Protein backbone atom coordinates (compact mmCIF):
# COMPACT_ATOMS: atom_id res chain seq x y z
CA UNK A 1 85.71 126.80 121.99
CA UNK A 2 86.68 130.23 120.94
CA UNK A 3 87.52 131.36 117.42
CA UNK A 4 91.15 131.74 118.44
CA UNK A 5 91.35 128.11 119.60
CA UNK A 6 89.78 126.78 116.41
CA UNK A 7 92.12 128.90 114.28
CA UNK A 8 95.12 127.71 116.27
CA UNK A 9 94.13 124.05 115.86
CA UNK A 10 93.67 124.47 112.10
CA UNK A 11 97.04 126.21 111.79
CA UNK A 12 98.74 123.40 113.72
CA UNK A 13 97.16 120.79 111.44
CA UNK A 14 98.27 122.72 108.34
CA UNK A 15 101.79 123.15 109.73
CA UNK A 16 102.00 119.42 110.53
CA UNK A 17 100.91 118.52 107.00
CA UNK A 18 103.35 121.01 105.44
CA UNK A 19 106.21 119.66 107.57
CA UNK A 20 105.35 116.07 106.64
CA UNK A 21 105.22 117.00 102.96
CA UNK A 22 108.62 118.71 103.23
CA UNK A 23 110.14 115.64 104.91
CA UNK A 24 108.63 113.38 102.22
CA UNK A 25 110.09 115.37 99.34
CA UNK A 26 113.44 116.25 100.91
CA UNK A 27 114.35 112.86 102.37
CA UNK A 28 112.20 110.49 100.23
CA UNK A 29 110.29 109.19 103.21
CA UNK A 30 106.65 108.13 103.59
CA UNK A 31 105.44 110.31 106.45
CA UNK A 32 102.15 111.35 104.81
CA UNK A 33 101.43 107.74 103.79
CA UNK A 34 102.15 106.70 107.37
CA UNK A 35 99.79 109.37 108.72
CA UNK A 36 97.08 108.10 106.34
CA UNK A 37 97.66 104.47 107.39
CA UNK A 38 99.04 103.39 104.00
CA UNK A 39 102.54 102.56 105.25
CA UNK A 40 103.78 100.69 108.31
CA UNK A 41 106.97 102.70 108.73
CA UNK A 42 107.59 106.31 107.71
CA UNK A 43 111.35 105.76 107.72
CA UNK A 44 111.49 103.44 104.72
CA UNK A 45 112.48 105.37 101.61
CA UNK A 46 109.79 105.50 98.96
CA UNK A 47 110.19 104.04 95.51
CA UNK A 48 111.11 107.38 93.92
CA UNK A 49 114.27 105.89 92.39
CA UNK A 50 112.27 103.13 90.72
CA UNK A 51 109.84 105.67 89.27
CA UNK A 52 112.71 107.79 88.01
CA UNK A 53 114.40 104.84 86.30
CA UNK A 54 111.12 103.82 84.66
CA UNK A 55 110.56 107.39 83.58
CA UNK A 56 114.05 107.72 82.09
CA UNK A 57 113.65 104.37 80.32
CA UNK A 58 110.38 105.59 78.81
CA UNK A 59 112.04 108.80 77.66
CA UNK A 60 114.82 106.78 75.99
CA UNK A 61 112.23 104.60 74.23
CA UNK A 62 110.34 107.66 73.00
CA UNK A 63 113.58 109.21 71.74
CA UNK A 64 114.50 106.03 69.85
CA UNK A 65 111.03 105.83 68.29
CA UNK A 66 111.22 109.47 67.19
CA UNK A 67 114.55 108.75 65.47
CA UNK A 68 113.04 105.75 63.68
CA UNK A 69 110.09 107.84 62.51
CA UNK A 70 112.47 110.49 61.15
CA UNK A 71 114.35 107.84 59.17
CA UNK A 72 111.12 106.41 57.79
CA UNK A 73 109.93 109.89 56.80
CA UNK A 74 113.19 110.48 54.94
CA UNK A 75 112.79 107.19 53.07
CA UNK A 76 109.17 107.82 52.14
CA UNK A 77 109.70 111.41 50.98
CA UNK A 78 112.68 110.42 48.84
CA UNK A 79 112.04 110.65 45.05
CA UNK A 80 113.61 107.21 44.49
CA UNK A 81 111.02 105.65 46.80
CA UNK A 82 108.20 107.06 44.73
CA UNK A 83 109.81 105.75 41.55
CA UNK A 84 110.17 102.25 43.04
CA UNK A 85 106.56 102.36 44.19
CA UNK A 86 105.37 103.27 40.68
CA UNK A 87 107.54 100.56 39.14
CA UNK A 88 106.15 97.97 41.54
CA UNK A 89 102.61 98.94 40.61
CA UNK A 90 103.30 98.15 36.97
C-alpha cells in the first residue's frame, strides 16, 4: 500500500464519522451507536427529548431551592430574628 492509499482510507473513515455525527445531532438519530453495535436501528430517534425534560426539571428545582435559600437568609439576617433567638435562650 502506498502512502496515498493509506491517507485516502483514513480520510474516508474520518469523513464517514463526521457525517454520522452530523446526522446524529441534526436529526436526533443513532447512527454512531449503530456503527458501534449499541443500537439495532439507526433510524429510531434518540432520547434527547427525555434528557432535555429532565435537565429543565432539574433547573427548575435548583431555581426553587435558590429562592428558598434567599428567603431563609432574609429571615436569619433580620434583627427581629436575633432578638427572638436571644429571648428564647433566656
